[in-house]
C-alpha atoms as a PDB file:
ATOM      1  CA  MET A   1       0.048  -0.057   0.033  1.00  0.00           C
ATOM      2  CA  ARG A   2       0.976   3.577  -0.435  1.00  0.00           C
ATOM      3  CA  VAL A   3       0.346   7.083   1.061  1.00  0.00           C
ATOM      4  CA  ILE A   4      -1.635   9.654  -0.767  1.00  0.00           C
ATOM      5  CA  VAL A   5      -1.083  13.350   0.271  1.00  0.00           C
ATOM      6  CA  LEU A   6      -4.106  15.604  -0.614  1.00  0.00           C
ATOM      7  CA  HIS A   7      -2.618  19.209  -0.078  1.00  0.00           C
ATOM      8  CA  ASP A   8      -2.228  22.836  -1.912  1.00  0.00           C
ATOM      9  CA  ASN A   9       1.200  23.776  -1.129  1.00  0.00           C
ATOM     10  CA  PRO A  10       3.978  22.475  -2.677  1.00  0.00           C
ATOM     11  CA  GLU A  11       6.678  24.011  -0.382  1.00  0.00           C
ATOM     12  CA  TRP A  12       4.939  22.419   2.505  1.00  0.00           C
ATOM     13  CA  PHE A  13       5.002  18.847   0.542  1.00  0.00           C
ATOM     14  CA  GLU A  14       8.807  19.013   0.418  1.00  0.00           C
ATOM     15  CA  PRO A  15       9.365  18.154   4.173  1.00  0.00           C
ATOM     16  CA  ILE A  16       6.508  15.483   3.740  1.00  0.00           C
ATOM     17  CA  ARG A  17       8.037  13.657   0.830  1.00  0.00           C
ATOM     18  CA  THR A  18      11.295  14.028   2.601  1.00  0.00           C
ATOM     19  CA  ALA A  19      10.034  12.384   5.954  1.00  0.00           C
ATOM     20  CA  PHE A  20       8.658   9.659   4.600  1.00  0.00           C
ATOM     21  CA  SER A  21      11.500   8.678   1.999  1.00  0.00           C
ATOM     22  CA  ARG A  22      13.488   8.282   5.253  1.00  0.00           C
ATOM     23  CA  HIS A  23      11.216   5.411   6.171  1.00  0.00           C
ATOM     24  CA  GLY A  24      11.035   3.954   2.842  1.00  0.00           C
ATOM     25  CA  VAL A  25       7.558   4.455   2.071  1.00  0.00           C
ATOM     26  CA  ASP A  26       6.032   5.511  -1.180  1.00  0.00           C
ATOM     27  CA  VAL A  27       4.275   9.074  -1.203  1.00  0.00           C
ATOM     28  CA  GLU A  28       1.955  10.034  -3.832  1.00  0.00           C
ATOM     29  CA  GLU A  29       0.563  13.893  -4.066  1.00  0.00           C
ATOM     30  CA  TRP A  30      -2.797  15.008  -5.014  1.00  0.00           C
ATOM     31  CA  VAL A  31      -2.783  18.667  -5.568  1.00  0.00           C
ATOM     32  CA  SER A  32      -6.507  19.421  -4.705  1.00  0.00           C
ATOM     33  CA  ASP A  33      -7.319  21.862  -7.178  1.00  0.00           C
ATOM     34  CA  GLU A  34      -5.303  20.277  -9.835  1.00  0.00           C
ATOM     35  CA  THR A  35      -6.412  16.584  -9.432  1.00  0.00           C
ATOM     36  CA  ALA A  36      -9.741  15.282 -11.216  1.00  0.00           C
ATOM     37  CA  VAL A  37     -11.322  12.510  -9.319  1.00  0.00           C
ATOM     38  CA  ASP A  38     -14.116  10.320 -10.834  1.00  0.00           C
ATOM     39  CA  ILE A  39     -16.764  10.765  -8.090  1.00  0.00           C
ATOM     40  CA  THR A  40     -18.993   7.947  -9.797  1.00  0.00           C
ATOM     41  CA  LYS A  41     -16.285   5.068  -9.024  1.00  0.00           C
ATOM     42  CA  PRO A  42     -14.638   4.232  -5.674  1.00  0.00           C
ATOM     43  CA  PRO A  43     -10.767   5.663  -4.883  1.00  0.00           C
ATOM     44  CA  PRO A  44      -8.247   3.882  -4.827  1.00  0.00           C
ATOM     45  CA  ALA A  45      -8.377   1.268  -2.219  1.00  0.00           C
ATOM     46  CA  ASP A  46      -4.598   0.609  -2.007  1.00  0.00           C
ATOM     47  CA  ALA A  47      -3.971   3.655   0.098  1.00  0.00           C
ATOM     48  CA  VAL A  48      -4.027   5.708   3.412  1.00  0.00           C
ATOM     49  CA  TYR A  49      -5.223   9.086   2.893  1.00  0.00           C
ATOM     50  CA  TYR A  50      -3.463  12.015   4.455  1.00  0.00           C
ATOM     51  CA  ASN A  51      -5.000  15.992   4.138  1.00  0.00           C
ATOM     52  CA  ARG A  52      -2.938  18.579   4.201  1.00  0.00           C
ATOM     53  CA  CYS A  53      -5.180  21.198   2.698  1.00  0.00           C
ATOM     54  CA  SER A  54      -5.055  24.503   4.230  1.00  0.00           C
ATOM     55  CA  SER A  55      -7.565  27.773   4.432  1.00  0.00           C
ATOM     56  CA  SER A  56      -4.410  29.808   3.338  1.00  0.00           C
ATOM     57  CA  ALA A  57      -4.458  28.015  -0.134  1.00  0.00           C
ATOM     58  CA  HIS A  58      -6.014  31.582  -1.492  1.00  0.00           C
ATOM     59  CA  THR A  59      -3.532  33.465  -0.359  1.00  0.00           C
ATOM     60  CA  ARG A  60      -1.124  31.195  -2.988  1.00  0.00           C
ATOM     61  CA  GLY A  61      -3.600  31.811  -5.772  1.00  0.00           C
ATOM     62  CA  ARG A  62      -5.552  28.726  -4.874  1.00  0.00           C
ATOM     63  CA  HIS A  63      -9.161  29.870  -4.184  1.00  0.00           C
ATOM     64  CA  ARG A  64     -10.993  26.788  -5.003  1.00  0.00           C
ATOM     65  CA  SER A  65      -8.664  24.291  -3.501  1.00  0.00           C
ATOM     66  CA  LEU A  66     -10.173  23.836   0.401  1.00  0.00           C
ATOM     67  CA  ASP A  67     -13.708  23.584  -1.571  1.00  0.00           C
ATOM     68  CA  GLN A  68     -12.512  20.578  -3.986  1.00  0.00           C
ATOM     69  CA  ALA A  69     -10.560  19.164  -1.014  1.00  0.00           C
ATOM     70  CA  MET A  70     -14.002  18.750   1.194  1.00  0.00           C
ATOM     71  CA  THR A  71     -15.788  17.014  -1.826  1.00  0.00           C
ATOM     72  CA  ILE A  72     -12.774  14.973  -2.137  1.00  0.00           C
ATOM     73  CA  LEU A  73     -12.494  13.914   1.541  1.00  0.00           C
ATOM     74  CA  ARG A  74     -16.206  13.550   1.454  1.00  0.00           C
ATOM     75  CA  TRP A  75     -15.834  11.007  -1.390  1.00  0.00           C
ATOM     76  CA  LEU A  76     -13.215   9.054   0.490  1.00  0.00           C
ATOM     77  CA  HIS A  77     -15.097   8.632   3.590  1.00  0.00           C
ATOM     78  CA  GLN A  78     -18.140   7.576   1.687  1.00  0.00           C
ATOM     79  CA  HIS A  79     -16.158   4.775   0.052  1.00  0.00           C
ATOM     80  CA  GLY A  80     -14.506   3.976   3.722  1.00  0.00           C
ATOM     81  CA  ARG A  81     -10.827   5.026   3.043  1.00  0.00           C
ATOM     82  CA  VAL A  82      -8.430   5.464   6.101  1.00  0.00           C
ATOM     83  CA  VAL A  83      -7.921   9.115   5.923  1.00  0.00           C
ATOM     84  CA  VAL A  84      -5.863  11.140   8.467  1.00  0.00           C
ATOM     85  CA  ASN A  85      -7.699  14.323   9.121  1.00  0.00           C
ATOM     86  CA  GLY A  86     -10.667  13.823   7.133  1.00  0.00           C
ATOM     87  CA  LEU A  87     -13.442  15.818   6.556  1.00  0.00           C
ATOM     88  CA  ILE A  88     -14.120  17.346   9.750  1.00  0.00           C
ATOM     89  CA  ALA A  89     -10.093  18.862   9.572  1.00  0.00           C
ATOM     90  CA  ALA A  90     -11.381  20.911   6.554  1.00  0.00           C
ATOM     91  CA  GLN A  91     -14.400  21.970   7.509  1.00  0.00           C
ATOM     92  CA  LEU A  92     -12.667  23.781  10.509  1.00  0.00           C
ATOM     93  CA  GLU A  93      -9.832  24.892   8.123  1.00  0.00           C
ATOM     94  CA  ASN A  94     -12.957  26.452   6.143  1.00  0.00           C
ATOM     95  CA  SER A  95     -14.536  28.318   9.017  1.00  0.00           C
ATOM     96  CA  LYS A  96     -13.371  30.477  12.226  1.00  0.00           C
ATOM     97  CA  ALA A  97     -16.991  29.983  13.403  1.00  0.00           C
ATOM     98  CA  LEU A  98     -17.281  26.473  13.487  1.00  0.00           C
ATOM     99  CA  GLN A  99     -13.703  26.390  15.195  1.00  0.00           C
ATOM    100  CA  TYR A 100     -15.410  28.574  18.295  1.00  0.00           C
ATOM    101  CA  MET A 101     -18.428  26.757  18.229  1.00  0.00           C
ATOM    102  CA  THR A 102     -16.696  23.328  18.472  1.00  0.00           C
ATOM    103  CA  THR A 103     -14.135  24.992  21.036  1.00  0.00           C
ATOM    104  CA  VAL A 104     -17.077  26.325  23.413  1.00  0.00           C
ATOM    105  CA  GLN A 105     -18.531  22.764  22.895  1.00  0.00           C
ATOM    106  CA  TYR A 106     -15.520  21.367  24.696  1.00  0.00           C
ATOM    107  CA  GLY A 107     -15.861  23.829  27.820  1.00  0.00           C
ATOM    108  CA  ILE A 108     -13.324  25.930  26.446  1.00  0.00           C
ATOM    109  CA  GLY A 109     -13.331  29.723  26.457  1.00  0.00           C
ATOM    110  CA  VAL A 110     -13.209  31.617  23.089  1.00  0.00           C
ATOM    111  CA  PRO A 111     -13.339  35.926  22.976  1.00  0.00           C
ATOM    112  CA  ARG A 112     -16.927  37.062  22.323  1.00  0.00           C
ATOM    113  CA  SER A 113     -17.345  36.560  18.306  1.00  0.00           C
ATOM    114  CA  LEU A 114     -19.948  37.650  16.421  1.00  0.00           C
ATOM    115  CA  LEU A 115     -20.916  35.591  12.558  1.00  0.00           C
ATOM    116  CA  THR A 116     -22.058  37.914   9.996  1.00  0.00           C
ATOM    117  CA  ALA A 117     -22.150  38.522   6.378  1.00  0.00           C
ATOM    118  CA  LYS A 118     -22.649  42.197   6.866  1.00  0.00           C
ATOM    119  CA  PRO A 119     -20.127  43.835   9.789  1.00  0.00           C
ATOM    120  CA  THR A 120     -21.923  47.218   9.474  1.00  0.00           C
ATOM    121  CA  LEU A 121     -21.235  49.871  12.139  1.00  0.00           C
ATOM    122  CA  GLU A 122     -24.845  49.452  13.539  1.00  0.00           C
ATOM    123  CA  VAL A 123     -24.409  45.518  13.914  1.00  0.00           C
ATOM    124  CA  ILE A 124     -20.813  46.077  16.005  1.00  0.00           C
ATOM    125  CA  GLU A 125     -21.899  49.182  18.187  1.00  0.00           C
ATOM    126  CA  GLY A 126     -25.245  47.011  18.763  1.00  0.00           C
ATOM    127  CA  GLU A 127     -22.985  44.028  20.052  1.00  0.00           C
ATOM    128  CA  PHE A 128     -19.840  45.751  21.543  1.00  0.00           C
ATOM    129  CA  GLY A 129     -20.901  49.182  21.744  1.00  0.00           C
ATOM    130  CA  LYS A 130     -18.765  52.087  20.896  1.00  0.00           C
ATOM    131  CA  SER A 131     -15.677  51.906  22.956  1.00  0.00           C
ATOM    132  CA  THR A 132     -14.407  48.044  22.705  1.00  0.00           C
ATOM    133  CA  PRO A 133     -11.677  47.093  21.378  1.00  0.00           C
ATOM    134  CA  PHE A 134     -12.090  44.480  18.194  1.00  0.00           C
ATOM    135  CA  LEU A 135     -11.033  42.420  15.565  1.00  0.00           C
ATOM    136  CA  VAL A 136     -12.598  41.844  11.934  1.00  0.00           C
ATOM    137  CA  LYS A 137     -11.789  38.552  10.671  1.00  0.00           C
ATOM    138  CA  PRO A 138     -12.499  36.421   7.519  1.00  0.00           C
ATOM    139  CA  ASP A 139     -14.407  33.638   8.311  1.00  0.00           C
ATOM    140  CA  ARG A 140     -12.071  31.287   6.367  1.00  0.00           C
ATOM    141  CA  GLY A 141      -8.835  32.803   7.515  1.00  0.00           C
ATOM    142  CA  GLY A 142      -5.161  31.878   6.339  1.00  0.00           C
ATOM    143  CA  ARG A 143      -1.567  33.468   7.338  1.00  0.00           C
ATOM    144  CA  GLY A 144      -3.636  36.397   9.051  1.00  0.00           C
ATOM    145  CA  THR A 145      -4.629  37.686   6.094  1.00  0.00           C
ATOM    146  CA  TYR A 146      -7.589  40.356   6.004  1.00  0.00           C
ATOM    147  CA  ILE A 147      -7.408  40.901   9.687  1.00  0.00           C
ATOM    148  CA  ARG A 148      -8.663  44.111  10.762  1.00  0.00           C
ATOM    149  CA  TYR A 149      -8.038  45.537  14.068  1.00  0.00           C
ATOM    150  CA  TYR A 150     -10.023  48.645  15.481  1.00  0.00           C
ATOM    151  CA  GLY A 151      -9.709  50.319  18.737  1.00  0.00           C
ATOM    152  CA  ASP A 152     -13.169  51.364  18.728  1.00  0.00           C
ATOM    153  CA  ALA A 153     -15.911  51.758  16.538  1.00  0.00           C
ATOM    154  CA  ASP A 154     -15.078  55.009  15.242  1.00  0.00           C
ATOM    155  CA  ALA A 155     -11.986  53.508  13.795  1.00  0.00           C
ATOM    156  CA  PHE A 156     -13.930  51.156  11.981  1.00  0.00           C
ATOM    157  CA  GLN A 157     -15.974  54.033  10.719  1.00  0.00           C
ATOM    158  CA  ALA A 158     -12.918  55.794   9.727  1.00  0.00           C
ATOM    159  CA  ASP A 159     -11.402  52.909   7.769  1.00  0.00           C
ATOM    160  CA  PRO A 160     -11.510  53.994   4.169  1.00  0.00           C
ATOM    161  CA  GLN A 161     -10.558  50.412   3.046  1.00  0.00           C
ATOM    162  CA  PRO A 162     -13.283  48.154   2.255  1.00  0.00           C
ATOM    163  CA  LEU A 163     -13.215  44.434   4.466  1.00  0.00           C
ATOM    164  CA  GLU A 164     -12.483  41.456   2.445  1.00  0.00           C
ATOM    165  CA  SER A 165     -13.223  37.462   2.864  1.00  0.00           C
ATOM    166  CA  ILE A 166     -13.054  34.979   0.284  1.00  0.00           C
ATOM    167  CA  THR A 167     -16.161  33.333   1.574  1.00  0.00           C
ATOM    168  CA  GLY A 168     -18.280  36.771   1.837  1.00  0.00           C
ATOM    169  CA  LEU A 169     -18.338  35.850   5.656  1.00  0.00           C
ATOM    170  CA  TYR A 170     -16.816  37.370   8.627  1.00  0.00           C
ATOM    171  CA  VAL A 171     -16.102  37.206  12.575  1.00  0.00           C
ATOM    172  CA  VAL A 172     -16.121  40.096  14.505  1.00  0.00           C
ATOM    173  CA  GLN A 173     -14.241  39.301  17.707  1.00  0.00           C
ATOM    174  CA  GLN A 174     -13.873  40.931  20.960  1.00  0.00           C
ATOM    175  CA  PHE A 175      -9.684  42.107  21.381  1.00  0.00           C
ATOM    176  CA  VAL A 176      -8.375  40.542  24.398  1.00  0.00           C
ATOM    177  CA  LYS A 177      -5.534  42.600  25.521  1.00  0.00           C
ATOM    178  CA  VAL A 178      -2.513  40.810  26.572  1.00  0.00           C
ATOM    179  CA  GLU A 179       1.042  41.600  27.503  1.00  0.00           C
ATOM    180  CA  CYS A 180       2.522  41.540  24.097  1.00  0.00           C
ATOM    181  CA  GLN A 181       2.698  37.677  23.936  1.00  0.00           C
ATOM    182  CA  ARG A 182       0.277  34.985  22.865  1.00  0.00           C
ATOM    183  CA  TYR A 183       0.661  31.105  23.293  1.00  0.00           C
ATOM    184  CA  LEU A 184       0.629  28.487  20.503  1.00  0.00           C
ATOM    185  CA  TYR A 185       0.073  25.200  21.421  1.00  0.00           C
ATOM    186  CA  THR A 186       3.052  24.477  23.683  1.00  0.00           C
ATOM    187  CA  SER A 187       4.886  27.513  22.037  1.00  0.00           C
ATOM    188  CA  LEU A 188       5.679  30.942  22.850  1.00  0.00           C
ATOM    189  CA  ALA A 189       4.880  33.449  19.817  1.00  0.00           C
ATOM    190  CA  LEU A 190       5.970  37.254  20.038  1.00  0.00           C
ATOM    191  CA  PRO A 191       4.630  40.240  17.832  1.00  0.00           C
ATOM    192  CA  GLU A 192       7.041  41.987  16.325  1.00  0.00           C
ATOM    193  CA  SER A 193       8.930  44.622  18.556  1.00  0.00           C
ATOM    194  CA  GLY A 194       6.573  47.469  20.371  1.00  0.00           C
ATOM    195  CA  GLY A 195       3.237  45.841  19.133  1.00  0.00           C
ATOM    196  CA  CYS A 196       0.704  43.711  21.013  1.00  0.00           C
ATOM    197  CA  PHE A 197      -1.354  42.443  17.875  1.00  0.00           C
ATOM    198  CA  ASP A 198       0.316  40.787  14.724  1.00  0.00           C
ATOM    199  CA  PRO A 199      -2.499  39.028  12.074  1.00  0.00           C
ATOM    200  CA  ASN A 200       0.479  36.223  11.003  1.00  0.00           C
ATOM    201  CA  MET A 201       1.897  34.596  13.622  1.00  0.00           C
ATOM    202  CA  CYS A 202       2.455  31.471  11.732  1.00  0.00           C
ATOM    203  CA  PRO A 203       5.244  29.224  13.330  1.00  0.00           C
ATOM    204  CA  CYS A 204       7.248  28.557   9.967  1.00  0.00           C
ATOM    205  CA  GLU A 205       7.326  31.773   9.315  1.00  0.00           C
ATOM    206  CA  LEU A 206       8.643  33.402  12.367  1.00  0.00           C
ATOM    207  CA  PRO A 207      11.918  34.416  13.145  1.00  0.00           C
ATOM    208  CA  LYS A 208      13.398  32.209  15.701  1.00  0.00           C
ATOM    209  CA  SER A 209      14.050  35.480  17.917  1.00  0.00           C
ATOM    210  CA  ARG A 210      10.220  35.285  18.189  1.00  0.00           C
ATOM    211  CA  PHE A 211       9.465  31.900  18.511  1.00  0.00           C
ATOM    212  CA  ARG A 212      10.197  29.037  21.038  1.00  0.00           C
ATOM    213  CA  ILE A 213       8.828  25.834  22.147  1.00  0.00           C
ATOM    214  CA  LEU A 214       7.861  26.048  25.889  1.00  0.00           C
ATOM    215  CA  THR A 215       9.091  22.464  27.077  1.00  0.00           C
ATOM    216  CA  ASP A 216       7.630  22.969  30.708  1.00  0.00           C
ATOM    217  CA  PHE A 217       3.921  24.603  29.946  1.00  0.00           C
ATOM    218  CA  SER A 218       1.289  23.019  31.621  1.00  0.00           C
ATOM    219  CA  HIS A 219      -2.189  24.016  32.169  1.00  0.00           C
ATOM    220  CA  PRO A 220      -5.716  22.513  32.912  1.00  0.00           C
ATOM    221  CA  ILE A 221      -6.505  23.647  29.022  1.00  0.00           C
ATOM    222  CA  LEU A 222      -4.396  20.884  27.628  1.00  0.00           C
ATOM    223  CA  ASP A 223      -6.477  18.367  28.614  1.00  0.00           C
ATOM    224  CA  LYS A 224      -9.618  20.095  27.275  1.00  0.00           C
ATOM    225  CA  LEU A 225      -7.908  20.448  24.000  1.00  0.00           C
ATOM    226  CA  ASP A 226      -6.568  16.561  24.173  1.00  0.00           C
ATOM    227  CA  ARG A 227     -10.795  16.039  24.665  1.00  0.00           C
ATOM    228  CA  LEU A 228     -11.458  18.181  21.670  1.00  0.00           C
ATOM    229  CA  PHE A 229      -8.771  16.331  19.150  1.00  0.00           C
ATOM    230  CA  LYS A 230     -10.064  12.632  20.094  1.00  0.00           C
ATOM    231  CA  GLY A 231     -13.993  13.726  20.346  1.00  0.00           C
ATOM    232  CA  THR A 232     -13.805  15.559  16.865  1.00  0.00           C
ATOM    233  CA  GLY A 233     -11.517  12.963  15.414  1.00  0.00           C
ATOM    234  CA  LEU A 234      -8.869  15.669  14.820  1.00  0.00           C
ATOM    235  CA  GLU A 235      -5.409  13.729  14.385  1.00  0.00           C
ATOM    236  CA  ASN A 236      -2.939  16.411  13.329  1.00  0.00           C
ATOM    237  CA  GLY A 237      -2.978  20.009  14.593  1.00  0.00           C
ATOM    238  CA  ALA A 238      -2.312  22.908  16.694  1.00  0.00           C
ATOM    239  CA  VAL A 239      -4.582  25.228  18.478  1.00  0.00           C
ATOM    240  CA  GLU A 240      -3.435  29.345  19.127  1.00  0.00           C
ATOM    241  CA  PHE A 241      -4.777  30.746  22.609  1.00  0.00           C
ATOM    242  CA  ILE A 242      -4.157  33.936  24.416  1.00  0.00           C
ATOM    243  CA  MET A 243      -4.195  34.455  28.112  1.00  0.00           C
ATOM    244  CA  ASP A 244      -6.671  37.106  29.101  1.00  0.00           C
ATOM    245  CA  GLU A 245      -5.995  39.868  31.961  1.00  0.00           C
ATOM    246  CA  GLU A 246      -7.656  37.502  34.416  1.00  0.00           C
ATOM    247  CA  GLY A 247      -5.344  34.534  33.219  1.00  0.00           C
ATOM    248  CA  VAL A 248      -7.876  32.673  31.370  1.00  0.00           C
ATOM    249  CA  PRO A 249      -7.602  30.970  28.335  1.00  0.00           C
ATOM    250  CA  ARG A 250      -8.926  32.142  25.088  1.00  0.00           C
ATOM    251  CA  VAL A 251      -8.874  29.960  21.932  1.00  0.00           C
ATOM    252  CA  ILE A 252      -8.425  32.331  18.583  1.00  0.00           C
ATOM    253  CA  ASP A 253      -7.143  29.885  16.076  1.00  0.00           C
ATOM    254  CA  ILE A 254      -7.334  26.036  15.415  1.00  0.00           C
ATOM    255  CA  ASN A 255      -5.161  25.200  12.729  1.00  0.00           C
ATOM    256  CA  THR A 256      -5.851  21.454  11.704  1.00  0.00           C
ATOM    257  CA  ASN A 257      -2.793  21.194   9.246  1.00  0.00           C
ATOM    258  CA  THR A 258       0.049  23.042  11.201  1.00  0.00           C
ATOM    259  CA  ALA A 259       3.530  23.633   9.833  1.00  0.00           C
ATOM    260  CA  TYR A 260       6.656  23.586  12.195  1.00  0.00           C
ATOM    261  CA  ASN A 261       9.516  25.865  13.024  1.00  0.00           C
ATOM    262  CA  ARG A 262      12.832  23.237  12.880  1.00  0.00           C
ATOM    263  CA  ASP A 263      14.938  26.375  14.529  1.00  0.00           C
ATOM    264  CA  ALA A 264      12.520  25.982  17.863  1.00  0.00           C
ATOM    265  CA  GLU A 265      12.603  22.508  17.894  1.00  0.00           C
ATOM    266  CA  VAL A 266      16.134  22.333  17.529  1.00  0.00           C
ATOM    267  CA  GLY A 267      16.547  24.986  20.065  1.00  0.00           C
ATOM    268  CA  ALA A 268      14.335  23.147  22.430  1.00  0.00           C
ATOM    269  CA  GLY A 269      15.549  19.679  21.741  1.00  0.00           C
ATOM    270  CA  VAL A 270      12.188  18.177  20.806  1.00  0.00           C
ATOM    271  CA  GLU A 271      11.221  15.611  18.289  1.00  0.00           C
ATOM    272  CA  GLU A 272      10.901  17.213  14.910  1.00  0.00           C
ATOM    273  CA  GLY A 273       7.108  17.742  13.723  1.00  0.00           C
ATOM    274  CA  TRP A 274       7.236  16.271  10.562  1.00  0.00           C
ATOM    275  CA  GLU A 275       8.956  13.150  11.898  1.00  0.00           C
ATOM    276  CA  SER A 276       6.517  12.767  14.369  1.00  0.00           C
ATOM    277  CA  VAL A 277       3.186  13.343  11.856  1.00  0.00           C
ATOM    278  CA  THR A 278       4.855  10.995   9.569  1.00  0.00           C
ATOM    279  CA  ARG A 279       5.457   8.181  11.794  1.00  0.00           C
ATOM    280  CA  TYR A 280       1.518   8.255  12.681  1.00  0.00           C
ATOM    281  CA  VAL A 281       0.499   8.293   9.187  1.00  0.00           C
ATOM    282  CA  ILE A 282       2.806   5.166   8.693  1.00  0.00           C
ATOM    283  CA  ASN A 283       1.408   3.945  11.568  1.00  0.00           C
ATOM    284  CA  ARG A 284      -2.127   4.002  10.075  1.00  0.00           C
ATOM    285  CA  LEU A 285      -0.604   2.736   7.036  1.00  0.00           C
ATOM    286  CA  ARG A 286       0.543  -0.586   8.638  1.00  0.00           C
ATOM    287  CA  GLN A 287      -2.692  -1.009  10.585  1.00  0.00           C
ATOM    288  CA  ALA A 288      -4.324  -0.714   7.270  1.00  0.00           C
ATOM    289  CA  GLU A 289      -2.439  -3.326   5.732  1.00  0.00           C
ATOM    290  CA  ALA A 290      -2.540  -5.607   8.602  1.00  0.00           C
ATOM    291  CA  SER A 291      -6.308  -5.666   8.165  1.00  0.00           C
ATOM    292  CA  VAL A 292      -5.979  -7.213   4.521  1.00  0.00           C
ATOM    293  CA  PRO A 293      -5.876 -10.945   4.781  1.00  0.00           C
ATOM    294  CA  ASN A 294      -3.174 -12.773   3.853  1.00  0.00           C
ATOM    295  CA  GLY A 295      -3.033 -13.703  -0.042  1.00  0.00           C
ATOM    296  CA  ASP A 296      -6.107 -11.295  -0.609  1.00  0.00           C
ATOM    297  CA  SER A 297      -5.481  -8.423  -3.206  1.00  0.00           C
ATOM    298  CA  VAL A 298      -6.671  -5.136  -2.904  1.00  0.00           C
ATOM    299  CA  ALA A 299      -9.176  -3.205  -5.222  1.00  0.00           C
ATOM    300  CA  VAL A 300      -8.094  -0.579  -6.887  1.00  0.00           C
END
């Protein structure tokens, strides 16, 4: 059997290919918006599928990638194929509102968040008042693109630039003031010097000086996040959360196909993220191979 990786970013695929090659495992790539599949026929059965599609695909010119990926993943599930980070992962990537709803379902706090297709001054003032700082985020995010920070309603009204969202939906979210830092899973990401807000905290893009792994981090939220991953069926991802002024963690993003900062991993002396994920997928592959009776062929 083989591993088929459904993805939308050649740059992110190369570390995966390298990691699998170290284990002698064949990897085939399906670039989601370049792959044509016959949905009237079953998908190949001699493979374990690994979904690596991201909400940020539109920032790389792949505007329909995630939409096609969700259909492909539904097709794979419909035929009982083994999929690592299946449809639920793509659905969470597709919608910050769904991320926040799911987070609340597992007893984890989020900042006050309003989903709307029309983030007008009237709507915002009605929910947050005139003086509350807030963010306007596209419901489908990606690398912090199109996120706007407003110190109050007047700043929103005075902004001459139109809001942008790839899906036309927005999340208006209370801005939680912190001491210029935010926690990313078990890592610490720092905004640029002099600020407390930075729309893009992608770990693979931050320099070593602004991102480090916290090897001694311990907090009850980790148990709740573990239940969230197990309860939803997520198998690979990272959760971004901030500590508010009262020390309460508030989830602000779920990345179901996260990237990794190798400099930070080396500095902390922890296992390489890509290697850990690769071993997990290979374990699913071996389980699938063991389920095929000896001497039986696998239908393709």
